[in-house]
N, C-alpha and C. Protein backbone atom coordinates (compact mmCIF):
# COMPACT_ATOMS: atom_id res chain seq x y z
N MET A 1 -6.71 24.20 4.68
CA MET A 1 -5.53 23.58 4.09
C MET A 1 -5.35 22.19 4.65
N SER A 2 -4.90 21.31 3.81
CA SER A 2 -4.65 19.96 4.28
C SER A 2 -3.20 19.84 4.73
N LYS A 3 -3.00 18.95 5.65
CA LYS A 3 -1.67 18.71 6.22
C LYS A 3 -0.85 17.90 5.23
N PRO A 4 0.39 18.32 4.92
CA PRO A 4 1.21 17.51 4.01
C PRO A 4 1.56 16.18 4.66
N PRO A 5 1.70 15.11 3.85
CA PRO A 5 2.02 13.81 4.43
C PRO A 5 3.38 13.81 5.10
N SER A 6 3.46 13.15 6.21
CA SER A 6 4.71 13.00 6.94
C SER A 6 5.54 11.91 6.27
N PRO A 7 6.86 12.04 6.28
CA PRO A 7 7.69 10.99 5.68
C PRO A 7 7.54 9.64 6.38
N THR A 8 7.03 9.64 7.61
CA THR A 8 6.85 8.37 8.31
C THR A 8 5.45 7.82 8.15
N GLU A 9 4.51 8.61 7.61
CA GLU A 9 3.14 8.15 7.39
C GLU A 9 3.00 7.68 5.96
N PRO A 10 2.43 6.49 5.73
CA PRO A 10 2.25 6.03 4.36
C PRO A 10 1.22 6.89 3.65
N SER A 11 1.43 7.10 2.38
CA SER A 11 0.49 7.88 1.57
C SER A 11 -0.47 6.94 0.87
N SER A 12 -1.76 7.27 0.88
CA SER A 12 -2.75 6.41 0.25
C SER A 12 -2.88 6.69 -1.24
N ALA A 13 -2.27 7.75 -1.74
CA ALA A 13 -2.43 8.12 -3.14
C ALA A 13 -1.29 7.64 -4.03
N THR A 14 -0.24 7.12 -3.47
CA THR A 14 0.89 6.69 -4.28
C THR A 14 0.81 5.20 -4.59
N ARG A 15 1.33 4.84 -5.73
CA ARG A 15 1.36 3.44 -6.12
C ARG A 15 2.66 2.82 -5.60
N ASN A 16 2.53 1.72 -4.91
CA ASN A 16 3.66 1.02 -4.33
C ASN A 16 4.04 -0.18 -5.19
N PRO A 17 5.25 -0.72 -5.03
CA PRO A 17 5.69 -1.86 -5.84
C PRO A 17 4.75 -3.07 -5.78
N GLY A 18 4.09 -3.28 -4.66
CA GLY A 18 3.20 -4.43 -4.53
C GLY A 18 1.81 -4.23 -5.11
N ASP A 19 1.50 -3.01 -5.55
CA ASP A 19 0.17 -2.72 -6.12
C ASP A 19 0.06 -3.25 -7.54
N GLU A 20 -1.06 -3.87 -7.85
CA GLU A 20 -1.32 -4.35 -9.21
C GLU A 20 -1.87 -3.23 -10.08
N ALA A 21 -2.41 -2.17 -9.47
CA ALA A 21 -2.97 -1.03 -10.19
C ALA A 21 -2.89 0.19 -9.28
N ALA A 22 -3.12 1.35 -9.85
CA ALA A 22 -3.10 2.59 -9.07
C ALA A 22 -4.30 2.64 -8.13
N PRO A 23 -4.14 3.22 -6.94
CA PRO A 23 -5.27 3.37 -6.03
C PRO A 23 -6.42 4.11 -6.71
N GLY A 24 -7.64 3.62 -6.50
CA GLY A 24 -8.82 4.24 -7.08
C GLY A 24 -9.20 3.72 -8.44
N THR A 25 -8.40 2.84 -9.02
CA THR A 25 -8.72 2.27 -10.32
C THR A 25 -9.94 1.37 -10.19
N GLU A 26 -10.81 1.42 -11.21
CA GLU A 26 -12.00 0.56 -11.19
C GLU A 26 -11.60 -0.91 -11.12
N GLN A 27 -12.44 -1.71 -10.51
CA GLN A 27 -12.28 -3.15 -10.36
C GLN A 27 -11.04 -3.52 -9.55
N THR A 28 -10.72 -2.69 -8.56
CA THR A 28 -9.61 -2.99 -7.66
C THR A 28 -10.08 -2.87 -6.22
N GLY A 29 -9.31 -3.41 -5.32
CA GLY A 29 -9.59 -3.31 -3.90
C GLY A 29 -8.32 -3.46 -3.10
N GLU A 30 -8.42 -3.22 -1.80
CA GLU A 30 -7.26 -3.36 -0.92
C GLU A 30 -7.16 -4.79 -0.42
N ASN A 31 -5.93 -5.25 -0.26
CA ASN A 31 -5.67 -6.56 0.32
C ASN A 31 -4.48 -6.42 1.27
N THR A 32 -4.31 -7.36 2.14
CA THR A 32 -3.19 -7.36 3.07
C THR A 32 -1.90 -7.61 2.30
N CYS A 33 -0.87 -6.84 2.62
CA CYS A 33 0.43 -6.99 1.97
C CYS A 33 1.00 -8.38 2.28
N PRO A 34 1.40 -9.14 1.25
CA PRO A 34 1.92 -10.48 1.49
C PRO A 34 3.34 -10.48 2.06
N VAL A 35 4.04 -9.37 1.99
CA VAL A 35 5.41 -9.31 2.49
C VAL A 35 5.44 -9.05 4.00
N CYS A 36 4.69 -8.04 4.45
CA CYS A 36 4.72 -7.69 5.89
C CYS A 36 3.50 -8.22 6.64
N HIS A 37 2.60 -8.88 5.93
CA HIS A 37 1.39 -9.46 6.51
C HIS A 37 0.51 -8.41 7.20
N GLY A 38 0.51 -7.19 6.62
CA GLY A 38 -0.38 -6.14 7.11
C GLY A 38 0.18 -5.25 8.18
N SER A 39 1.40 -5.51 8.64
CA SER A 39 1.97 -4.69 9.72
C SER A 39 2.59 -3.39 9.21
N GLY A 40 3.00 -3.36 7.94
CA GLY A 40 3.69 -2.19 7.40
C GLY A 40 5.18 -2.18 7.71
N ARG A 41 5.64 -3.17 8.46
CA ARG A 41 7.04 -3.26 8.87
C ARG A 41 7.60 -4.63 8.49
N THR A 42 8.89 -4.69 8.22
CA THR A 42 9.54 -5.95 7.92
C THR A 42 10.04 -6.59 9.21
N ALA A 43 10.62 -7.77 9.11
CA ALA A 43 11.10 -8.49 10.29
C ALA A 43 12.17 -7.71 11.05
N ASN A 44 12.94 -6.88 10.35
CA ASN A 44 13.98 -6.08 11.03
C ASN A 44 13.45 -4.70 11.42
N ASP A 45 12.13 -4.53 11.47
CA ASP A 45 11.43 -3.31 11.89
C ASP A 45 11.63 -2.12 10.95
N ALA A 46 12.00 -2.39 9.70
CA ALA A 46 12.09 -1.34 8.70
C ALA A 46 10.73 -1.21 8.01
N MET A 47 10.46 -0.06 7.42
CA MET A 47 9.21 0.13 6.68
C MET A 47 9.19 -0.83 5.49
N CYS A 48 8.07 -1.48 5.29
CA CYS A 48 7.91 -2.42 4.17
C CYS A 48 7.89 -1.63 2.86
N THR A 49 8.79 -1.96 1.95
CA THR A 49 8.84 -1.26 0.67
C THR A 49 7.80 -1.79 -0.31
N ASN A 50 7.26 -2.97 -0.08
CA ASN A 50 6.26 -3.52 -0.98
C ASN A 50 4.95 -2.75 -0.90
N CYS A 51 4.55 -2.34 0.31
CA CYS A 51 3.29 -1.63 0.50
C CYS A 51 3.49 -0.17 0.90
N GLY A 52 4.73 0.26 1.03
CA GLY A 52 5.01 1.63 1.44
C GLY A 52 4.69 1.90 2.89
N GLY A 53 4.59 0.84 3.69
CA GLY A 53 4.34 1.00 5.12
C GLY A 53 2.87 1.02 5.50
N SER A 54 1.98 0.88 4.55
CA SER A 54 0.54 0.92 4.85
C SER A 54 0.00 -0.43 5.31
N GLY A 55 0.67 -1.52 4.94
CA GLY A 55 0.19 -2.86 5.26
C GLY A 55 -0.83 -3.36 4.26
N LYS A 56 -1.13 -2.54 3.24
CA LYS A 56 -2.14 -2.89 2.24
C LYS A 56 -1.57 -2.72 0.83
N VAL A 57 -2.02 -3.56 -0.07
CA VAL A 57 -1.70 -3.42 -1.49
C VAL A 57 -3.00 -3.38 -2.27
N ILE A 58 -2.95 -2.77 -3.45
CA ILE A 58 -4.12 -2.67 -4.33
C ILE A 58 -4.06 -3.85 -5.28
N VAL A 59 -5.14 -4.63 -5.34
CA VAL A 59 -5.20 -5.80 -6.21
C VAL A 59 -6.40 -5.67 -7.15
N ILE A 60 -6.30 -6.31 -8.29
CA ILE A 60 -7.40 -6.34 -9.25
C ILE A 60 -8.38 -7.40 -8.79
N VAL A 61 -9.65 -7.02 -8.64
CA VAL A 61 -10.67 -7.96 -8.17
C VAL A 61 -11.73 -8.23 -9.24
N GLY A 62 -11.71 -7.45 -10.32
CA GLY A 62 -12.67 -7.66 -11.39
C GLY A 62 -12.01 -8.40 -12.54
N ASP A 63 -12.72 -8.52 -13.61
CA ASP A 63 -12.18 -9.22 -14.78
C ASP A 63 -11.66 -8.22 -15.81
N ALA A 64 -10.87 -7.28 -15.36
CA ALA A 64 -10.35 -6.21 -16.22
C ALA A 64 -9.36 -6.73 -17.22
């Protein structure tokens, strides 16, 4: 059995507001979140809502 995600751990399968496409979509890749600069936290130490706390966003890298 797999461990359910913790509310404090970012999920890699969910689409966050900063994602240009769903994770795993063809012609996409991970990039550093422009809001938290990859830390997963904002300046006031809250979880970054743009990347869901992962520090990464999914961007389109192909000519889709």
